[in-house]
Amino acid sequence: MRNERRITIREAYAEASSFLRQRGVREPEANAGRLLEHLLGESRSGLLLRWPEPFPREREVDWQRLLERKASGEPVQYIIGEQEFYGLPFTVTPAVLIPRPETELLVEQVVRLGQQLFGGAAGGPGAGVGASPTVADVGTGSGAIAVSLAVQCPSWRVTASDIAPDALAVARANAERNGVAERVAFVEGDLLGPWIERGERLDLVVSNPPYIPEADEAGLQPEVRLFEPRTALYGGADGLEPYRRLTAQLGELPAMPALVGFEVGQGQADEVRRLLERAADWDEVQIVPDLAGIDRHVIAYRSKNHA
């Protein structure tokens, strides 16, 4: 039984970290910290300044509920309802996949190559004729890619699709939250279907589609397997079905895009590169590793005047 002395916020953090560790939660200190910041409405630095303060009694019940949710395996991003991506805040719910750091590299590559192909700096005064490409983010989920591209490149015309209405609602909210609601359009539909149906020409296509093989489900971390949306995770028997469909659909567009960028699963990059090479005559098809050295992105591009 605890004595009458009220524990400090730092002690509450230490107890929570120990509790989560005992329950088998990965990175218990980081998770306890994020939950405590959320509970008290503090930044990391603000929380450190409050370390010596007594933990507020009126928040004890809420604190225990947060810890129990995390101990059950629920991702901390869903508990606090937020994840940062490319330096921007994104609302996340169980309707969408949690944005991953490796996808930031895909955005970085698309911005860099897109600027080279279409001229001008992102949003800068040098953006001239041809600097307003039409961009499709296929399977947008939280809107992380589409919103980040719109923020980085204000002249780009971005449209994002998803098959799930609940995901589109989250993505629209994130576009509003990050000040680009007027510059990102959202359409419901399967892969490139909405653009094909409307006969729309696209200059850039980017996608982080479901790519986990269905047979790998049992081996996934519980945080992923039990809580993230299945439609955003599994890409058929071998995980490659969305890429087969996407590369086939490229030929149904009015013209071949100048740039196509995909995120892929481990061991899939070579086959996705072959699919893209069969789909069109590109100047180059690159495989880009993530920070862990895993081949994570496949990017095909060609000059705008390429026949």
C-alpha atoms as a PDB file:
ATOM      1  CA  MET A   1       0.000   0.000   0.000  1.00  0.00           C
ATOM      2  CA  ARG A   2       1.386   3.400  -1.023  1.00  0.00           C
ATOM      3  CA  ASN A   3       2.157   5.878   1.798  1.00  0.00           C
ATOM      4  CA  GLU A   4       0.595   9.317   1.974  1.00  0.00           C
ATOM      5  CA  ARG A   5       3.362  10.994   0.010  1.00  0.00           C
ATOM      6  CA  ARG A   6       2.115  11.693  -3.488  1.00  0.00           C
ATOM      7  CA  ILE A   7       4.343  10.350  -6.207  1.00  0.00           C
ATOM      8  CA  THR A   8       5.922  12.805  -8.606  1.00  0.00           C
ATOM      9  CA  ILE A   9       5.287  12.871 -12.328  1.00  0.00           C
ATOM     10  CA  ARG A  10       8.766  11.411 -12.832  1.00  0.00           C
ATOM     11  CA  GLU A  11       7.993   8.542 -10.470  1.00  0.00           C
ATOM     12  CA  ALA A  12       4.706   7.891 -12.275  1.00  0.00           C
ATOM     13  CA  TYR A  13       6.663   7.681 -15.519  1.00  0.00           C
ATOM     14  CA  ALA A  14       9.160   5.241 -14.001  1.00  0.00           C
ATOM     15  CA  GLU A  15       6.379   3.041 -12.594  1.00  0.00           C
ATOM     16  CA  ALA A  16       4.569   3.061 -15.942  1.00  0.00           C
ATOM     17  CA  SER A  17       7.737   2.106 -17.822  1.00  0.00           C
ATOM     18  CA  SER A  18       8.297  -0.819 -15.459  1.00  0.00           C
ATOM     19  CA  PHE A  19       4.669  -1.933 -15.789  1.00  0.00           C
ATOM     20  CA  LEU A  20       4.790  -1.872 -19.587  1.00  0.00           C
ATOM     21  CA  ARG A  21       8.106  -3.709 -19.621  1.00  0.00           C
ATOM     22  CA  GLN A  22       6.652  -6.457 -17.427  1.00  0.00           C
ATOM     23  CA  ARG A  23       3.739  -6.772 -19.820  1.00  0.00           C
ATOM     24  CA  GLY A  24       6.105  -7.328 -22.738  1.00  0.00           C
ATOM     25  CA  VAL A  25       5.586  -3.963 -24.435  1.00  0.00           C
ATOM     26  CA  ARG A  26       8.425  -2.953 -26.728  1.00  0.00           C
ATOM     27  CA  GLU A  27      10.123   0.390 -25.996  1.00  0.00           C
ATOM     28  CA  PRO A  28       8.325   0.808 -22.664  1.00  0.00           C
ATOM     29  CA  GLU A  29      10.041   4.084 -21.754  1.00  0.00           C
ATOM     30  CA  ALA A  30       9.189   5.738 -25.066  1.00  0.00           C
ATOM     31  CA  ASN A  31       5.582   4.549 -24.886  1.00  0.00           C
ATOM     32  CA  ALA A  32       5.177   5.688 -21.272  1.00  0.00           C
ATOM     33  CA  GLY A  33       6.584   9.078 -22.208  1.00  0.00           C
ATOM     34  CA  ARG A  34       4.255   9.588 -25.157  1.00  0.00           C
ATOM     35  CA  LEU A  35       1.236   8.560 -23.116  1.00  0.00           C
ATOM     36  CA  LEU A  36       2.197  10.888 -20.282  1.00  0.00           C
ATOM     37  CA  GLU A  37       2.735  13.806 -22.657  1.00  0.00           C
ATOM     38  CA  HIS A  38      -0.716  13.116 -24.100  1.00  0.00           C
ATOM     39  CA  LEU A  39      -2.379  12.824 -20.701  1.00  0.00           C
ATOM     40  CA  LEU A  40      -0.907  16.063 -19.360  1.00  0.00           C
ATOM     41  CA  GLY A  41      -0.977  17.999 -22.626  1.00  0.00           C
ATOM     42  CA  GLU A  42       2.761  18.615 -22.559  1.00  0.00           C
ATOM     43  CA  SER A  43       5.631  18.494 -25.007  1.00  0.00           C
ATOM     44  CA  ARG A  44       8.645  16.362 -24.141  1.00  0.00           C
ATOM     45  CA  SER A  45      10.544  19.391 -22.836  1.00  0.00           C
ATOM     46  CA  GLY A  46       7.511  20.628 -20.938  1.00  0.00           C
ATOM     47  CA  LEU A  47       7.108  17.244 -19.295  1.00  0.00           C
ATOM     48  CA  LEU A  48      10.733  17.259 -18.135  1.00  0.00           C
ATOM     49  CA  LEU A  49      10.206  20.623 -16.484  1.00  0.00           C
ATOM     50  CA  ARG A  50       7.281  19.139 -14.548  1.00  0.00           C
ATOM     51  CA  TRP A  51       9.158  16.015 -13.363  1.00  0.00           C
ATOM     52  CA  PRO A  52       9.281  17.116  -9.670  1.00  0.00           C
ATOM     53  CA  GLU A  53       5.566  18.011  -9.485  1.00  0.00           C
ATOM     54  CA  PRO A  54       3.109  15.669  -7.745  1.00  0.00           C
ATOM     55  CA  PHE A  55       1.185  13.528 -10.204  1.00  0.00           C
ATOM     56  CA  PRO A  56      -2.354  15.003 -10.395  1.00  0.00           C
ATOM     57  CA  ARG A  57      -4.798  12.832  -8.474  1.00  0.00           C
ATOM     58  CA  GLU A  58      -7.657  13.698 -10.817  1.00  0.00           C
ATOM     59  CA  ARG A  59      -5.798  12.063 -13.730  1.00  0.00           C
ATOM     60  CA  GLU A  60      -4.939   8.766 -12.027  1.00  0.00           C
ATOM     61  CA  VAL A  61      -7.919   6.807 -13.394  1.00  0.00           C
ATOM     62  CA  ASP A  62      -7.337   8.084 -16.935  1.00  0.00           C
ATOM     63  CA  TRP A  63      -3.639   7.248 -16.600  1.00  0.00           C
ATOM     64  CA  GLN A  64      -4.365   3.661 -15.628  1.00  0.00           C
ATOM     65  CA  ARG A  65      -6.761   3.271 -18.555  1.00  0.00           C
ATOM     66  CA  LEU A  66      -4.127   4.506 -21.007  1.00  0.00           C
ATOM     67  CA  LEU A  67      -1.549   2.096 -19.617  1.00  0.00           C
ATOM     68  CA  GLU A  68      -3.941  -0.854 -19.780  1.00  0.00           C
ATOM     69  CA  ARG A  69      -4.723  -0.082 -23.422  1.00  0.00           C
ATOM     70  CA  LYS A  70      -1.029   0.016 -24.247  1.00  0.00           C
ATOM     71  CA  ALA A  71      -0.377  -3.173 -22.264  1.00  0.00           C
ATOM     72  CA  SER A  72      -3.059  -4.928 -24.348  1.00  0.00           C
ATOM     73  CA  GLY A  73      -0.990  -4.234 -27.456  1.00  0.00           C
ATOM     74  CA  GLU A  74      -2.879  -1.249 -28.861  1.00  0.00           C
ATOM     75  CA  PRO A  75      -0.522   1.045 -30.791  1.00  0.00           C
ATOM     76  CA  VAL A  76       0.229   4.238 -28.899  1.00  0.00           C
ATOM     77  CA  GLN A  77      -0.617   6.234 -32.032  1.00  0.00           C
ATOM     78  CA  TYR A  78      -4.216   5.016 -31.910  1.00  0.00           C
ATOM     79  CA  ILE A  79      -4.419   5.682 -28.167  1.00  0.00           C
ATOM     80  CA  ILE A  80      -3.307   9.304 -28.472  1.00  0.00           C
ATOM     81  CA  GLY A  81      -4.836   9.692 -31.957  1.00  0.00           C
ATOM     82  CA  GLU A  82      -1.766  11.186 -33.597  1.00  0.00           C
ATOM     83  CA  GLN A  83       1.458  10.456 -35.447  1.00  0.00           C
ATOM     84  CA  GLU A  84       4.014  12.860 -36.863  1.00  0.00           C
ATOM     85  CA  PHE A  85       5.028  12.369 -40.493  1.00  0.00           C
ATOM     86  CA  TYR A  86       7.458  14.482 -42.509  1.00  0.00           C
ATOM     87  CA  GLY A  87       7.422  17.048 -39.709  1.00  0.00           C
ATOM     88  CA  LEU A  88       3.620  17.403 -39.802  1.00  0.00           C
ATOM     89  CA  PRO A  89       0.974  16.252 -37.314  1.00  0.00           C
ATOM     90  CA  PHE A  90      -1.488  13.628 -38.557  1.00  0.00           C
ATOM     91  CA  THR A  91      -4.617  12.355 -36.893  1.00  0.00           C
ATOM     92  CA  VAL A  92      -4.752   8.554 -36.971  1.00  0.00           C
ATOM     93  CA  THR A  93      -7.582   6.190 -36.122  1.00  0.00           C
ATOM     94  CA  PRO A  94      -8.000   2.414 -36.497  1.00  0.00           C
ATOM     95  CA  ALA A  95      -9.476   3.171 -39.938  1.00  0.00           C
ATOM     96  CA  VAL A  96      -6.011   3.976 -41.312  1.00  0.00           C
ATOM     97  CA  LEU A  97      -2.525   2.534 -41.314  1.00  0.00           C
ATOM     98  CA  ILE A  98      -0.124   4.339 -38.990  1.00  0.00           C
ATOM     99  CA  PRO A  99       2.356   6.351 -41.115  1.00  0.00           C
ATOM    100  CA  ARG A 100       5.874   4.905 -40.963  1.00  0.00           C
ATOM    101  CA  PRO A 101       9.194   6.766 -41.044  1.00  0.00           C
ATOM    102  CA  GLU A 102      10.378   4.819 -44.103  1.00  0.00           C
ATOM    103  CA  THR A 103       7.525   6.299 -46.146  1.00  0.00           C
ATOM    104  CA  GLU A 104       9.021   9.740 -45.550  1.00  0.00           C
ATOM    105  CA  LEU A 105      11.860   8.640 -47.839  1.00  0.00           C
ATOM    106  CA  LEU A 106       9.334   7.963 -50.604  1.00  0.00           C
ATOM    107  CA  VAL A 107       7.958  11.491 -50.246  1.00  0.00           C
ATOM    108  CA  GLU A 108      11.500  12.863 -50.283  1.00  0.00           C
ATOM    109  CA  GLN A 109      12.357  11.025 -53.512  1.00  0.00           C
ATOM    110  CA  VAL A 110       9.130  12.008 -55.257  1.00  0.00           C
ATOM    111  CA  VAL A 111       9.623  15.674 -54.328  1.00  0.00           C
ATOM    112  CA  ARG A 112      13.237  15.646 -55.511  1.00  0.00           C
ATOM    113  CA  LEU A 113      12.586  13.885 -58.812  1.00  0.00           C
ATOM    114  CA  GLY A 114       9.333  15.732 -59.410  1.00  0.00           C
ATOM    115  CA  GLN A 115      11.119  19.060 -59.144  1.00  0.00           C
ATOM    116  CA  GLN A 116      13.786  17.874 -61.576  1.00  0.00           C
ATOM    117  CA  LEU A 117      11.184  16.707 -64.094  1.00  0.00           C
ATOM    118  CA  PHE A 118       8.819  19.659 -63.864  1.00  0.00           C
ATOM    119  CA  GLY A 119      11.142  22.510 -62.976  1.00  0.00           C
ATOM    120  CA  GLY A 120      11.173  25.133 -60.256  1.00  0.00           C
ATOM    121  CA  ALA A 121      11.665  24.764 -56.524  1.00  0.00           C
ATOM    122  CA  ALA A 122       8.851  23.445 -54.398  1.00  0.00           C
ATOM    123  CA  GLY A 123       6.521  26.398 -53.988  1.00  0.00           C
ATOM    124  CA  GLY A 124       9.361  28.760 -54.911  1.00  0.00           C
ATOM    125  CA  PRO A 125       9.406  31.717 -57.285  1.00  0.00           C
ATOM    126  CA  GLY A 126      11.272  29.673 -59.893  1.00  0.00           C
ATOM    127  CA  ALA A 127       8.279  27.430 -60.539  1.00  0.00           C
ATOM    128  CA  GLY A 128       7.224  28.197 -64.077  1.00  0.00           C
ATOM    129  CA  VAL A 129       5.431  26.576 -66.969  1.00  0.00           C
ATOM    130  CA  GLY A 130       5.142  22.852 -66.411  1.00  0.00           C
ATOM    131  CA  ALA A 131       5.741  23.163 -62.671  1.00  0.00           C
ATOM    132  CA  SER A 132       2.180  22.157 -61.758  1.00  0.00           C
ATOM    133  CA  PRO A 133       2.049  18.414 -62.336  1.00  0.00           C
ATOM    134  CA  THR A 134      -1.039  16.364 -61.584  1.00  0.00           C
ATOM    135  CA  VAL A 135      -0.311  13.899 -58.790  1.00  0.00           C
ATOM    136  CA  ALA A 136      -2.209  10.778 -57.687  1.00  0.00           C
ATOM    137  CA  ASP A 137      -1.666   9.287 -54.237  1.00  0.00           C
ATOM    138  CA  VAL A 138      -3.208   5.833 -54.582  1.00  0.00           C
ATOM    139  CA  GLY A 139      -4.525   4.267 -51.374  1.00  0.00           C
ATOM    140  CA  THR A 140      -3.955   7.382 -49.308  1.00  0.00           C
ATOM    141  CA  GLY A 141      -5.028   6.070 -45.877  1.00  0.00           C
ATOM    142  CA  SER A 142      -4.337   8.889 -43.416  1.00  0.00           C
ATOM    143  CA  GLY A 143      -3.386  11.197 -46.285  1.00  0.00           C
ATOM    144  CA  ALA A 144       0.225  11.349 -45.105  1.00  0.00           C
ATOM    145  CA  ILE A 145       1.782  11.195 -48.578  1.00  0.00           C
ATOM    146  CA  ALA A 146      -0.741  13.435 -50.338  1.00  0.00           C
ATOM    147  CA  VAL A 147      -0.751  16.102 -47.630  1.00  0.00           C
ATOM    148  CA  SER A 148       3.035  16.109 -47.322  1.00  0.00           C
ATOM    149  CA  LEU A 149       3.438  16.522 -51.082  1.00  0.00           C
ATOM    150  CA  ALA A 150       0.919  19.372 -51.118  1.00  0.00           C
ATOM    151  CA  VAL A 151       2.729  21.120 -48.262  1.00  0.00           C
ATOM    152  CA  GLN A 152       6.154  20.676 -49.845  1.00  0.00           C
ATOM    153  CA  CYS A 153       5.065  21.545 -53.392  1.00  0.00           C
ATOM    154  CA  PRO A 154       2.201  24.075 -53.307  1.00  0.00           C
ATOM    155  CA  SER A 155       1.931  24.268 -57.103  1.00  0.00           C
ATOM    156  CA  TRP A 156       1.320  20.533 -57.498  1.00  0.00           C
ATOM    157  CA  ARG A 157      -2.263  19.414 -58.101  1.00  0.00           C
ATOM    158  CA  VAL A 158      -2.765  16.456 -55.781  1.00  0.00           C
ATOM    159  CA  THR A 159      -5.628  13.970 -55.748  1.00  0.00           C
ATOM    160  CA  ALA A 160      -5.768  11.085 -53.275  1.00  0.00           C
ATOM    161  CA  SER A 161      -7.836   7.923 -53.468  1.00  0.00           C
ATOM    162  CA  ASP A 162      -8.868   5.191 -51.092  1.00  0.00           C
ATOM    163  CA  ILE A 163     -11.357   2.358 -51.221  1.00  0.00           C
ATOM    164  CA  ALA A 164     -12.443   2.983 -47.618  1.00  0.00           C
ATOM    165  CA  PRO A 165     -14.768   5.929 -46.860  1.00  0.00           C
ATOM    166  CA  ASP A 166     -13.618   5.991 -43.212  1.00  0.00           C
ATOM    167  CA  ALA A 167     -10.015   6.395 -44.312  1.00  0.00           C
ATOM    168  CA  LEU A 168     -10.930   9.229 -46.672  1.00  0.00           C
ATOM    169  CA  ALA A 169     -12.648  11.037 -43.802  1.00  0.00           C
ATOM    170  CA  VAL A 170      -9.406  10.884 -41.795  1.00  0.00           C
ATOM    171  CA  ALA A 171      -7.358  12.022 -44.795  1.00  0.00           C
ATOM    172  CA  ARG A 172      -9.658  14.997 -45.430  1.00  0.00           C
ATOM    173  CA  ALA A 173      -9.356  16.008 -41.786  1.00  0.00           C
ATOM    174  CA  ASN A 174      -5.576  15.855 -42.055  1.00  0.00           C
ATOM    175  CA  ALA A 175      -5.562  18.006 -45.180  1.00  0.00           C
ATOM    176  CA  GLU A 176      -7.625  20.565 -43.262  1.00  0.00           C
ATOM    177  CA  ARG A 177      -5.390  20.284 -40.206  1.00  0.00           C
ATOM    178  CA  ASN A 178      -2.278  20.992 -42.251  1.00  0.00           C
ATOM    179  CA  GLY A 179      -3.726  23.840 -44.298  1.00  0.00           C
ATOM    180  CA  VAL A 180      -3.971  22.165 -47.710  1.00  0.00           C
ATOM    181  CA  ALA A 181      -7.669  21.246 -47.856  1.00  0.00           C
ATOM    182  CA  GLU A 182      -8.146  23.552 -50.852  1.00  0.00           C
ATOM    183  CA  ARG A 183      -5.268  21.927 -52.753  1.00  0.00           C
ATOM    184  CA  VAL A 184      -5.874  18.211 -52.225  1.00  0.00           C
ATOM    185  CA  ALA A 185      -8.887  16.461 -53.754  1.00  0.00           C
ATOM    186  CA  PHE A 186     -10.133  13.099 -52.492  1.00  0.00           C
ATOM    187  CA  VAL A 187     -11.896  10.371 -54.444  1.00  0.00           C
ATOM    188  CA  GLU A 188     -13.284   7.012 -53.379  1.00  0.00           C
ATOM    189  CA  GLY A 189     -12.249   4.097 -55.529  1.00  0.00           C
ATOM    190  CA  ASP A 190      -9.976   1.119 -56.084  1.00  0.00           C
ATOM    191  CA  LEU A 191      -6.380   1.890 -57.051  1.00  0.00           C
ATOM    192  CA  LEU A 192      -6.202   3.937 -60.303  1.00  0.00           C
ATOM    193  CA  GLY A 193      -9.847   3.238 -61.146  1.00  0.00           C
ATOM    194  CA  PRO A 194     -11.155   6.782 -60.442  1.00  0.00           C
ATOM    195  CA  TRP A 195      -8.659   8.412 -62.838  1.00  0.00           C
ATOM    196  CA  ILE A 196      -9.168   5.776 -65.537  1.00  0.00           C
ATOM    197  CA  GLU A 197     -12.943   6.202 -65.376  1.00  0.00           C
ATOM    198  CA  ARG A 198     -12.630   9.969 -65.794  1.00  0.00           C
ATOM    199  CA  GLY A 199      -9.964   9.725 -68.478  1.00  0.00           C
ATOM    200  CA  GLU A 200      -7.621  11.918 -66.440  1.00  0.00           C
ATOM    201  CA  ARG A 201      -4.000  12.376 -67.365  1.00  0.00           C
ATOM    202  CA  LEU A 202      -1.519  11.967 -64.516  1.00  0.00           C
ATOM    203  CA  ASP A 203       2.060  13.203 -64.320  1.00  0.00           C
ATOM    204  CA  LEU A 204       3.059  11.517 -61.054  1.00  0.00           C
ATOM    205  CA  VAL A 205       1.681   8.402 -59.396  1.00  0.00           C
ATOM    206  CA  VAL A 206       2.750   7.478 -55.879  1.00  0.00           C
ATOM    207  CA  SER A 207       1.485   4.650 -53.713  1.00  0.00           C
ATOM    208  CA  ASN A 208       2.195   2.742 -50.534  1.00  0.00           C
ATOM    209  CA  PRO A 209      -0.211  -0.132 -51.201  1.00  0.00           C
ATOM    210  CA  PRO A 210      -0.893  -3.207 -49.032  1.00  0.00           C
ATOM    211  CA  TYR A 211       2.111  -5.490 -49.544  1.00  0.00           C
ATOM    212  CA  ILE A 212       2.248  -8.058 -46.750  1.00  0.00           C
ATOM    213  CA  PRO A 213       1.757 -11.654 -47.998  1.00  0.00           C
ATOM    214  CA  GLU A 214      -1.306 -13.208 -46.378  1.00  0.00           C
ATOM    215  CA  ALA A 215       0.777 -16.163 -45.179  1.00  0.00           C
ATOM    216  CA  ASP A 216       2.880 -13.795 -43.068  1.00  0.00           C
ATOM    217  CA  GLU A 217      -0.047 -12.676 -40.918  1.00  0.00           C
ATOM    218  CA  ALA A 218       0.708 -14.969 -37.976  1.00  0.00           C
ATOM    219  CA  GLY A 219       4.250 -13.646 -37.690  1.00  0.00           C
ATOM    220  CA  LEU A 220       3.314  -9.972 -37.496  1.00  0.00           C
ATOM    221  CA  GLN A 221       3.685  -8.007 -34.285  1.00  0.00           C
ATOM    222  CA  PRO A 222       0.384  -8.024 -32.337  1.00  0.00           C
ATOM    223  CA  GLU A 223       0.229  -4.219 -32.569  1.00  0.00           C
ATOM    224  CA  VAL A 224      -0.025  -4.571 -36.341  1.00  0.00           C
ATOM    225  CA  ARG A 225      -1.938  -7.843 -36.707  1.00  0.00           C
ATOM    226  CA  LEU A 226      -4.668  -7.097 -34.169  1.00  0.00           C
ATOM    227  CA  PHE A 227      -5.189  -3.362 -34.554  1.00  0.00           C
ATOM    228  CA  GLU A 228      -4.280  -1.985 -37.986  1.00  0.00           C
ATOM    229  CA  PRO A 229      -6.803  -2.262 -40.853  1.00  0.00           C
ATOM    230  CA  ARG A 230      -6.497  -5.504 -42.823  1.00  0.00           C
ATOM    231  CA  THR A 231      -7.270  -3.829 -46.151  1.00  0.00           C
ATOM    232  CA  ALA A 232      -4.197  -1.620 -45.683  1.00  0.00           C
ATOM    233  CA  LEU A 233      -1.891  -4.524 -44.808  1.00  0.00           C
ATOM    234  CA  TYR A 234      -2.313  -7.587 -47.027  1.00  0.00           C
ATOM    235  CA  GLY A 235      -1.501  -7.684 -50.715  1.00  0.00           C
ATOM    236  CA  GLY A 236      -2.695 -11.156 -51.641  1.00  0.00           C
ATOM    237  CA  ALA A 237      -0.923 -14.493 -51.430  1.00  0.00           C
ATOM    238  CA  ASP A 238       2.540 -13.116 -52.205  1.00  0.00           C
ATOM    239  CA  GLY A 239       1.914  -9.463 -51.360  1.00  0.00           C
ATOM    240  CA  LEU A 240       2.425  -8.371 -54.961  1.00  0.00           C
ATOM    241  CA  GLU A 241      -1.156  -8.329 -56.234  1.00  0.00           C
ATOM    242  CA  PRO A 242      -1.634  -4.531 -55.844  1.00  0.00           C
ATOM    243  CA  TYR A 243       1.538  -3.894 -57.883  1.00  0.00           C
ATOM    244  CA  ARG A 244       0.408  -6.206 -60.671  1.00  0.00           C
ATOM    245  CA  ARG A 245      -2.911  -4.376 -60.849  1.00  0.00           C
ATOM    246  CA  LEU A 246      -1.372  -0.912 -60.589  1.00  0.00           C
ATOM    247  CA  THR A 247       1.229  -1.485 -63.299  1.00  0.00           C
ATOM    248  CA  ALA A 248      -1.437  -2.956 -65.579  1.00  0.00           C
ATOM    249  CA  GLN A 249      -3.696   0.054 -64.934  1.00  0.00           C
ATOM    250  CA  LEU A 250      -0.948   2.502 -65.916  1.00  0.00           C
ATOM    251  CA  GLY A 251      -1.541   1.496 -69.518  1.00  0.00           C
ATOM    252  CA  GLU A 252      -5.250   2.368 -69.201  1.00  0.00           C
ATOM    253  CA  LEU A 253      -4.511   6.018 -68.428  1.00  0.00           C
ATOM    254  CA  PRO A 254      -4.635   8.527 -71.318  1.00  0.00           C
ATOM    255  CA  ALA A 255      -0.831   8.809 -71.143  1.00  0.00           C
ATOM    256  CA  MET A 256       1.949   7.177 -69.167  1.00  0.00           C
ATOM    257  CA  PRO A 257       2.942   9.230 -66.101  1.00  0.00           C
ATOM    258  CA  ALA A 258       6.419  10.743 -66.023  1.00  0.00           C
ATOM    259  CA  LEU A 259       7.094   9.345 -62.546  1.00  0.00           C
ATOM    260  CA  VAL A 260       5.776   6.367 -60.591  1.00  0.00           C
ATOM    261  CA  GLY A 261       6.905   5.698 -57.020  1.00  0.00           C
ATOM    262  CA  PHE A 262       5.964   2.654 -54.942  1.00  0.00           C
ATOM    263  CA  GLU A 263       6.810   1.555 -51.435  1.00  0.00           C
ATOM    264  CA  VAL A 264       7.396  -2.199 -51.273  1.00  0.00           C
ATOM    265  CA  GLY A 265       7.869  -4.946 -48.723  1.00  0.00           C
ATOM    266  CA  GLN A 266      11.133  -6.689 -47.940  1.00  0.00           C
ATOM    267  CA  GLY A 267      12.275  -8.859 -50.850  1.00  0.00           C
ATOM    268  CA  GLN A 268       9.738  -7.404 -53.320  1.00  0.00           C
ATOM    269  CA  ALA A 269      11.748  -4.629 -54.967  1.00  0.00           C
ATOM    270  CA  ASP A 270      13.217  -6.640 -57.850  1.00  0.00           C
ATOM    271  CA  GLU A 271       9.861  -8.063 -58.927  1.00  0.00           C
ATOM    272  CA  VAL A 272       8.139  -4.668 -58.688  1.00  0.00           C
ATOM    273  CA  ARG A 273      10.941  -3.170 -60.780  1.00  0.00           C
ATOM    274  CA  ARG A 274      10.330  -5.847 -63.429  1.00  0.00           C
ATOM    275  CA  LEU A 275       6.609  -5.083 -63.398  1.00  0.00           C
ATOM    276  CA  LEU A 276       7.293  -1.404 -63.994  1.00  0.00           C
ATOM    277  CA  GLU A 277       9.849  -2.133 -66.723  1.00  0.00           C
ATOM    278  CA  ARG A 278       7.249  -4.203 -68.566  1.00  0.00           C
ATOM    279  CA  ALA A 279       4.658  -1.451 -68.205  1.00  0.00           C
ATOM    280  CA  ALA A 280       6.569   1.311 -70.001  1.00  0.00           C
ATOM    281  CA  ASP A 281       9.859   2.495 -71.482  1.00  0.00           C
ATOM    282  CA  TRP A 282      11.434   4.489 -68.646  1.00  0.00           C
ATOM    283  CA  ASP A 283      14.639   6.503 -68.553  1.00  0.00           C
ATOM    284  CA  GLU A 284      15.464   4.798 -65.274  1.00  0.00           C
ATOM    285  CA  VAL A 285      13.923   2.535 -62.648  1.00  0.00           C
ATOM    286  CA  GLN A 286      15.573   3.004 -59.260  1.00  0.00           C
ATOM    287  CA  ILE A 287      15.474   0.872 -56.129  1.00  0.00           C
ATOM    288  CA  VAL A 288      15.917   3.007 -53.006  1.00  0.00           C
ATOM    289  CA  PRO A 289      16.839   1.421 -49.650  1.00  0.00           C
ATOM    290  CA  ASP A 290      15.465   2.647 -46.349  1.00  0.00           C
ATOM    291  CA  LEU A 291      17.626   3.638 -43.393  1.00  0.00           C
ATOM    292  CA  ALA A 292      17.885  -0.016 -42.338  1.00  0.00           C
ATOM    293  CA  GLY A 293      19.325  -0.930 -45.744  1.00  0.00           C
ATOM    294  CA  ILE A 294      16.165  -2.736 -46.897  1.00  0.00           C
ATOM    295  CA  ASP A 295      15.162  -2.125 -50.533  1.00  0.00           C
ATOM    296  CA  ARG A 296      11.994  -0.173 -49.760  1.00  0.00           C
ATOM    297  CA  HIS A 297      11.028   2.001 -52.735  1.00  0.00           C
ATOM    298  CA  VAL A 298      10.909   1.484 -56.477  1.00  0.00           C
ATOM    299  CA  ILE A 299      10.772   4.646 -58.563  1.00  0.00           C
ATOM    300  CA  ALA A 300      10.444   4.810 -62.341  1.00  0.00           C
ATOM    301  CA  TYR A 301      10.725   8.037 -64.278  1.00  0.00           C
ATOM    302  CA  ARG A 302      11.272   9.506 -67.696  1.00  0.00           C
ATOM    303  CA  SER A 303      11.490  12.987 -69.166  1.00  0.00           C
ATOM    304  CA  LYS A 304       8.218  14.702 -70.024  1.00  0.00           C
ATOM    305  CA  ASN A 305       9.135  14.690 -73.704  1.00  0.00           C
ATOM    306  CA  HIS A 306       9.984  10.987 -73.747  1.00  0.00           C
ATOM    307  CA  ALA A 307       7.971   9.279 -76.467  1.00  0.00           C
END
